Amino acid sequence: MSLNKKPKDELKFRELLKNPIRLYGWVFPLFFVIILLFGIYFVTNLNQISFNEQAVGLTDTTNIKKEIELKKGSINVSVDLKLIKNPTPDFTANGKKLYEAACMACHGDKGLGDGTAGAMLNPKPRNLTSTDGWTFGRNIDQLYKALQEGIIKNGMAAYEYLPANDRLAILSYIRTFTQFPPVTDEQVVSLDLTYRLSKGTVLPNKIPVRIAANKLIDENSLSNKQLLRFESKIYQSQGNAGADILKKNSLDYKKVFTSFSRLVAKQSLDKYVSVVIANPVNSGFSPAVVQLSKEEWKMLYDYLKSSTM
C-alpha cells in the first residue's frame, strides 16, 4: 500500500446532498434522543406537571360586603290619587326635574335610550317611546312596578328609595314622550291597594352593617361581663336563702341569668313563676323547681332581681 495514497472518506457528505434518502437512517437515533430527553424532563418535574392549578371561577359571596347608608326613618306623605289620572302641570314639571337627575343619563333627554351613560350598557336602556318589548307593560300600574322593583335582567335599577309622589311624577313626565295607554280608575285602585299610596309609607331607620355588628359585639360583651358577675355573686353567697334555693334547683346559671334578665326581669313574681314552671329546663332550672313553695319562689325571685340588676 502506498504511503502517499490519500484515504477516502467513509461518508461523502456531498453525495448525500445529491441523494438525501441516505439520511433517513439518522432519523431514528434523533427521535430516540428527543424522546429520552422528554422522558427525563417529565420524570424530574412530575409533581409540578401533575399539580392541578385551576382558577376559581365562582365569586365567594361571603366576601361581598354591601354597606347600608345611615338613614333616619321617615313617613312618606300620602299620594293624591287624582294626580295619577289627571296630573297638574306643576306635578309633571317636577317629574321632569327628577327624570333629568335620575333617568336621563341612560334613557336620554327624549327617552330614546340614547343617554351617554347607557352607551356601554348591554342590553341598551329602554327606548321609552317604543311600544314593543316592555317587561311589565306600559300601563301606569305596570310602569310603577318597574320603578318599584327594578328589572335586574335588563340592568334597570329599583327606585323604591324615591317617595311615591316623586316616582309618579317621573311617570307623568315620561308619558309626555309618546302616546301611552290611558290611565283607568281600575289601575289607580290597583296601585293604591298594592302600594298603599293613599295611606303613606313608613321607611324604617337604617344603620350601616359595620355599626350594627359593633353594637352586637358590645352588647354581647356586656352580657358576658354581667353573667360573670352574676355567677361570681352566687359562689360568694353564704347563708342567703335565695342563693341556696338557686344553687339547689339550677342546672345552668347562664340560662337562669338570660331568661330572667332578658325575658321577665320587669314582670311580676307570678308571671316569672308561670314562665319557669311552663318549661323549667329552658329557664335553666331542674324540673324539681316546680315543687317550691310560694315563700321559696319569693326568696328566689328577690335574689335574682338583686343579682341581675
Protein backbone atom coordinates (compact mmCIF):
# COMPACT_ATOMS: atom_id res chain seq x y z
CA MET A 1 0.00 0.00 0.00
CA SER A 2 1.42 3.37 -0.95
CA LEU A 3 2.06 5.76 1.88
CA ASN A 4 1.15 8.71 -0.31
CA LYS A 5 -2.31 7.43 -1.07
CA LYS A 6 -4.95 9.72 0.49
CA PRO A 7 -7.58 7.85 2.48
CA LYS A 8 -11.11 8.16 1.20
CA ASP A 9 -13.91 9.46 3.36
CA GLU A 10 -16.18 6.66 4.53
CA LEU A 11 -19.17 9.00 4.16
CA LYS A 12 -19.22 11.51 1.36
CA PHE A 13 -21.47 14.37 2.54
CA ARG A 14 -21.53 15.99 -0.88
CA GLU A 15 -23.08 12.86 -2.30
CA LEU A 16 -25.68 12.95 0.48
CA LEU A 17 -26.92 16.23 -0.90
CA LYS A 18 -27.48 14.55 -4.24
CA ASN A 19 -29.20 11.59 -2.60
CA PRO A 20 -30.91 12.79 0.68
CA ILE A 21 -32.70 9.47 1.14
CA ARG A 22 -29.49 8.15 2.69
CA LEU A 23 -30.10 10.48 5.70
CA TYR A 24 -33.26 8.55 6.58
CA GLY A 25 -31.33 6.20 8.83
CA TRP A 26 -30.34 9.10 11.10
CA VAL A 27 -33.98 9.91 11.92
CA PHE A 28 -34.41 7.03 14.37
CA PRO A 29 -31.49 7.94 16.64
CA LEU A 30 -32.66 11.56 16.57
CA PHE A 31 -36.20 10.62 17.67
CA PHE A 32 -34.78 8.36 20.36
CA VAL A 33 -32.70 11.21 21.80
CA ILE A 34 -35.69 13.58 21.76
CA ILE A 35 -37.98 11.05 23.48
CA LEU A 36 -35.29 10.29 26.05
CA LEU A 37 -34.82 13.96 26.90
CA PHE A 38 -38.59 14.48 27.14
CA GLY A 39 -38.92 11.45 29.44
CA ILE A 40 -36.16 12.72 31.74
CA TYR A 41 -37.81 16.14 31.95
CA PHE A 42 -41.25 14.62 32.63
CA VAL A 43 -39.99 12.36 35.43
CA THR A 44 -37.98 15.08 37.16
CA ASN A 45 -40.92 17.52 37.03
CA LEU A 46 -43.73 15.04 37.62
CA ASN A 47 -45.09 16.70 40.77
CA GLN A 48 -45.26 20.13 39.20
CA ILE A 49 -46.79 18.90 35.95
CA SER A 50 -49.50 16.83 37.63
CA PHE A 51 -50.47 19.58 40.09
CA ASN A 52 -53.99 20.79 39.28
CA GLU A 53 -53.96 24.56 39.34
CA GLN A 54 -57.48 25.63 38.39
CA ALA A 55 -58.55 29.23 38.85
CA VAL A 56 -61.75 29.60 40.83
CA GLY A 57 -64.50 30.75 38.52
CA LEU A 58 -67.19 31.46 41.11
CA THR A 59 -67.36 34.51 43.36
CA ASP A 60 -67.25 33.83 47.07
CA THR A 61 -70.37 35.66 48.15
CA THR A 62 -69.29 35.57 51.81
CA ASN A 63 -66.63 38.13 50.94
CA ILE A 64 -69.07 40.53 49.32
CA LYS A 65 -69.96 43.35 51.65
CA LYS A 66 -72.65 45.80 50.67
CA GLU A 67 -72.74 48.67 53.10
CA ILE A 68 -76.03 50.27 54.09
CA GLU A 69 -76.25 54.02 54.30
CA LEU A 70 -77.03 55.50 57.70
CA LYS A 71 -80.52 56.88 57.31
CA LYS A 72 -83.18 58.05 59.72
CA GLY A 73 -86.60 56.54 59.16
CA SER A 74 -89.42 58.67 57.91
CA ILE A 75 -93.03 58.62 56.78
CA ASN A 76 -93.71 59.37 53.14
CA VAL A 77 -96.77 61.53 52.73
CA SER A 78 -99.82 60.02 51.14
CA VAL A 79 -100.43 60.40 47.42
CA ASP A 80 -103.28 62.38 45.97
CA LEU A 81 -104.73 59.67 43.74
CA LYS A 82 -106.33 62.26 41.47
CA LEU A 83 -102.85 63.28 40.25
CA ILE A 84 -102.24 59.81 38.83
CA LYS A 85 -105.05 60.13 36.32
CA ASN A 86 -105.00 63.92 35.90
CA PRO A 87 -101.52 65.26 36.72
CA THR A 88 -101.15 69.02 37.10
CA PRO A 89 -98.53 70.98 35.12
CA ASP A 90 -96.51 71.54 38.31
CA PHE A 91 -96.62 67.82 39.10
CA THR A 92 -95.31 66.93 35.63
CA ALA A 93 -92.70 69.71 35.77
CA ASN A 94 -91.37 68.26 39.00
CA GLY A 95 -91.25 64.86 37.27
CA LYS A 96 -89.12 66.42 34.51
CA LYS A 97 -86.55 67.62 37.05
CA LEU A 98 -86.48 64.22 38.72
CA TYR A 99 -86.18 62.45 35.36
CA GLU A 100 -83.22 64.62 34.37
CA ALA A 101 -81.49 63.85 37.66
CA ALA A 102 -82.14 60.10 37.85
CA CYS A 103 -83.07 58.77 34.40
CA MET A 104 -81.76 60.95 31.58
CA ALA A 105 -78.17 59.67 31.77
CA CYS A 106 -79.33 56.28 30.48
CA HIS A 107 -82.63 56.91 28.69
CA GLY A 108 -81.69 60.22 27.06
CA ASP A 109 -83.40 63.59 27.23
CA LYS A 110 -86.24 62.45 24.95
CA GLY A 111 -86.47 58.89 26.30
CA LEU A 112 -84.94 57.29 23.21
CA GLY A 113 -82.49 55.16 25.21
CA ASP A 114 -79.53 57.16 23.87
CA GLY A 115 -78.16 58.59 27.10
CA THR A 116 -74.41 58.96 27.48
CA ALA A 117 -74.22 56.61 30.48
CA GLY A 118 -76.12 53.90 28.61
CA ALA A 119 -73.79 53.77 25.60
CA MET A 120 -71.74 50.92 27.09
CA LEU A 121 -74.66 49.00 28.61
CA ASN A 122 -75.81 45.63 27.28
CA PRO A 123 -78.72 45.39 26.86
CA LYS A 124 -79.22 49.01 25.91
CA PRO A 125 -81.52 51.20 28.00
CA ARG A 126 -85.21 51.09 27.13
CA ASN A 127 -86.44 53.35 24.36
CA LEU A 128 -89.38 54.80 26.27
CA THR A 129 -91.13 55.87 23.07
CA SER A 130 -91.25 52.33 21.67
CA THR A 131 -94.36 50.22 22.17
CA ASP A 132 -92.63 46.80 22.00
CA GLY A 133 -90.80 44.61 24.47
CA TRP A 134 -91.85 46.10 27.79
CA THR A 135 -91.18 43.64 30.63
CA PHE A 136 -94.18 44.51 32.80
CA GLY A 137 -96.19 46.55 30.31
CA ARG A 138 -97.00 50.20 29.54
CA ASN A 139 -99.99 50.76 31.81
CA ILE A 140 -99.42 53.17 34.69
CA ASP A 141 -99.53 50.45 37.36
CA GLN A 142 -97.06 48.36 35.35
CA LEU A 143 -94.72 51.32 34.89
CA TYR A 144 -94.85 51.99 38.63
CA LYS A 145 -93.97 48.36 39.33
CA ALA A 146 -90.85 48.72 37.16
CA LEU A 147 -89.71 51.72 39.21
CA GLN A 148 -90.57 49.99 42.49
CA GLU A 149 -88.87 46.65 41.80
CA GLY A 150 -86.40 47.38 39.01
CA ILE A 151 -85.67 44.91 36.20
CA ILE A 152 -82.45 43.11 37.07
CA LYS A 153 -82.07 41.19 33.81
CA ASN A 154 -82.12 44.45 31.86
CA GLY A 155 -79.88 46.37 34.24
CA MET A 156 -82.77 48.55 35.39
CA ALA A 157 -82.25 49.72 38.98
CA ALA A 158 -85.07 49.87 41.51
CA TYR A 159 -86.14 53.32 42.66
CA GLU A 160 -88.00 52.29 45.79
CA TYR A 161 -85.95 54.81 47.76
CA LEU A 162 -87.78 57.67 46.00
CA PRO A 163 -91.04 58.80 47.59
CA ALA A 164 -94.14 57.52 45.84
CA ASN A 165 -95.08 61.05 44.77
CA ASP A 166 -91.72 61.50 43.03
CA ARG A 167 -91.99 58.20 41.19
CA LEU A 168 -95.46 59.05 39.95
CA ALA A 169 -94.23 62.50 38.89
CA ILE A 170 -91.45 60.86 36.83
CA LEU A 171 -94.00 58.60 35.17
CA SER A 172 -96.21 61.60 34.47
CA TYR A 173 -93.33 63.24 32.60
CA ILE A 174 -92.32 60.04 30.78
CA ARG A 175 -95.87 59.72 29.48
CA THR A 176 -95.39 63.02 27.62
CA PHE A 177 -92.77 61.44 25.33
CA THR A 178 -95.31 59.48 23.29
CA GLN A 179 -98.83 58.08 23.39
CA PHE A 180 -99.26 55.71 26.36
CA PRO A 181 -102.40 53.74 27.27
CA PRO A 182 -104.87 55.94 29.17
CA VAL A 183 -104.95 55.72 32.96
CA THR A 184 -108.10 53.97 34.16
CA ASP A 185 -109.82 54.01 37.54
CA GLU A 186 -109.12 50.30 37.88
CA GLN A 187 -105.37 50.89 37.52
CA VAL A 188 -105.43 53.64 40.14
CA VAL A 189 -107.31 51.37 42.56
CA SER A 190 -104.83 48.56 41.87
CA LEU A 191 -101.90 50.87 42.60
CA ASP A 192 -103.45 52.05 45.85
CA LEU A 193 -104.27 48.53 47.05
CA THR A 194 -100.81 47.19 46.17
CA TYR A 195 -98.64 50.05 47.42
CA ARG A 196 -100.96 51.81 49.92
CA LEU A 197 -100.33 55.13 48.20
CA SER A 198 -103.20 57.00 49.82
CA LYS A 199 -102.08 55.97 53.33
CA GLY A 200 -98.43 56.87 53.01
CA THR A 201 -95.49 54.56 53.64
CA VAL A 202 -93.18 54.16 56.62
CA LEU A 203 -89.44 53.95 55.95
CA PRO A 204 -87.55 52.26 58.81
CA ASN A 205 -84.30 53.50 60.29
CA LYS A 206 -81.18 52.10 58.65
CA ILE A 207 -77.68 51.80 60.07
CA PRO A 208 -74.52 50.52 58.35
CA VAL A 209 -73.73 46.83 58.82
CA ARG A 210 -70.41 47.72 60.43
CA ILE A 211 -72.10 49.79 63.14
CA ALA A 212 -74.74 47.11 63.73
CA ALA A 213 -72.05 44.43 64.08
CA ASN A 214 -70.11 46.55 66.58
CA LYS A 215 -73.26 47.13 68.62
CA LEU A 216 -73.94 43.39 68.77
CA ILE A 217 -70.36 42.77 69.89
CA ASP A 218 -70.64 45.44 72.58
CA GLU A 219 -73.97 44.11 73.83
CA ASN A 220 -72.69 40.55 73.89
CA SER A 221 -69.55 41.64 75.71
CA LEU A 222 -71.65 43.49 78.28
CA SER A 223 -73.89 40.45 78.77
CA ASN A 224 -70.85 38.23 79.31
CA LYS A 225 -69.49 40.60 81.96
CA GLN A 226 -72.87 40.69 83.70
CA LEU A 227 -73.06 36.90 83.61
CA LEU A 228 -69.60 36.58 85.16
CA ARG A 229 -70.60 38.95 87.96
CA PHE A 230 -73.82 37.01 88.45
CA GLU A 231 -72.03 33.65 88.75
CA SER A 232 -69.36 35.15 90.99
CA LYS A 233 -72.01 36.53 93.31
CA ILE A 234 -73.70 33.12 93.52
CA TYR A 235 -70.47 31.37 94.51
CA GLN A 236 -69.71 34.03 97.12
CA SER A 237 -73.18 34.00 98.64
CA GLN A 238 -73.19 32.28 102.00
CA GLY A 239 -76.26 31.89 104.17
CA ASN A 240 -78.54 33.60 101.66
CA ALA A 241 -81.78 31.66 101.38
CA GLY A 242 -82.46 32.80 97.81
CA ALA A 243 -78.94 31.83 96.69
CA ASP A 244 -79.27 28.42 98.37
CA ILE A 245 -82.56 27.77 96.56
CA LEU A 246 -80.96 28.75 93.26
CA LYS A 247 -77.93 26.51 93.79
CA LYS A 248 -80.12 23.56 94.72
CA ASN A 249 -82.53 23.85 91.77
CA SER A 250 -80.39 25.30 88.97
CA LEU A 251 -78.99 23.32 86.03
CA ASP A 252 -77.45 26.18 84.07
CA TYR A 253 -76.67 29.57 85.62
CA LYS A 254 -76.30 31.14 82.18
CA LYS A 255 -79.85 30.15 81.18
CA VAL A 256 -81.17 31.34 84.53
CA PHE A 257 -79.47 34.70 84.07
CA THR A 258 -80.58 35.06 80.43
CA SER A 259 -84.19 34.03 80.94
CA PHE A 260 -84.59 36.31 83.94
CA SER A 261 -82.71 39.40 82.78
CA ARG A 262 -83.97 39.44 79.18
CA LEU A 263 -87.42 37.92 79.36
CA VAL A 264 -89.15 38.58 82.66
CA ALA A 265 -86.93 40.84 84.75
CA LYS A 266 -89.61 43.54 84.61
CA GLN A 267 -92.51 41.16 85.13
CA SER A 268 -94.22 40.29 88.39
CA LEU A 269 -93.32 37.35 90.60
CA ASP A 270 -96.39 35.40 89.48
CA LYS A 271 -95.52 35.95 85.82
CA TYR A 272 -91.96 34.74 86.34
CA VAL A 273 -93.13 31.64 88.21
CA SER A 274 -95.56 30.75 85.43
CA VAL A 275 -92.82 31.09 82.79
CA VAL A 276 -90.37 28.87 84.70
CA ILE A 277 -92.97 26.22 85.56
CA ALA A 278 -94.05 26.05 81.92
CA ASN A 279 -90.51 25.00 80.88
CA PRO A 280 -88.01 24.74 83.76
CA VAL A 281 -85.12 23.37 81.68
CA ASN A 282 -85.26 26.20 79.14
CA SER A 283 -85.17 28.64 82.04
CA GLY A 284 -82.07 26.93 83.48
CA PHE A 285 -83.75 25.04 86.32
CA SER A 286 -84.26 21.39 87.16
CA PRO A 287 -87.84 20.04 86.99
CA ALA A 288 -87.87 19.88 90.80
CA VAL A 289 -88.20 23.67 90.93
CA VAL A 290 -91.96 23.32 90.40
CA GLN A 291 -92.22 21.96 93.96
CA LEU A 292 -91.07 25.22 95.57
CA SER A 293 -93.45 26.91 97.94
CA LYS A 294 -94.70 30.44 97.39
CA GLU A 295 -92.29 31.73 100.07
CA GLU A 296 -89.35 29.99 98.37
CA TRP A 297 -90.32 31.44 95.00
CA LYS A 298 -90.41 34.90 96.57
CA MET A 299 -86.91 34.47 98.04
CA LEU A 300 -85.57 33.13 94.74
CA TYR A 301 -87.19 35.94 92.73
CA ASP A 302 -85.87 38.67 95.07
CA TYR A 303 -82.36 37.20 94.95
CA LEU A 304 -82.35 37.03 91.13
CA LYS A 305 -83.67 40.56 90.89
CA SER A 306 -80.94 41.93 93.18
CA SER A 307 -78.22 39.90 91.40
CA THR A 308 -79.07 40.76 87.81
CA MET A 309 -79.78 44.47 88.11
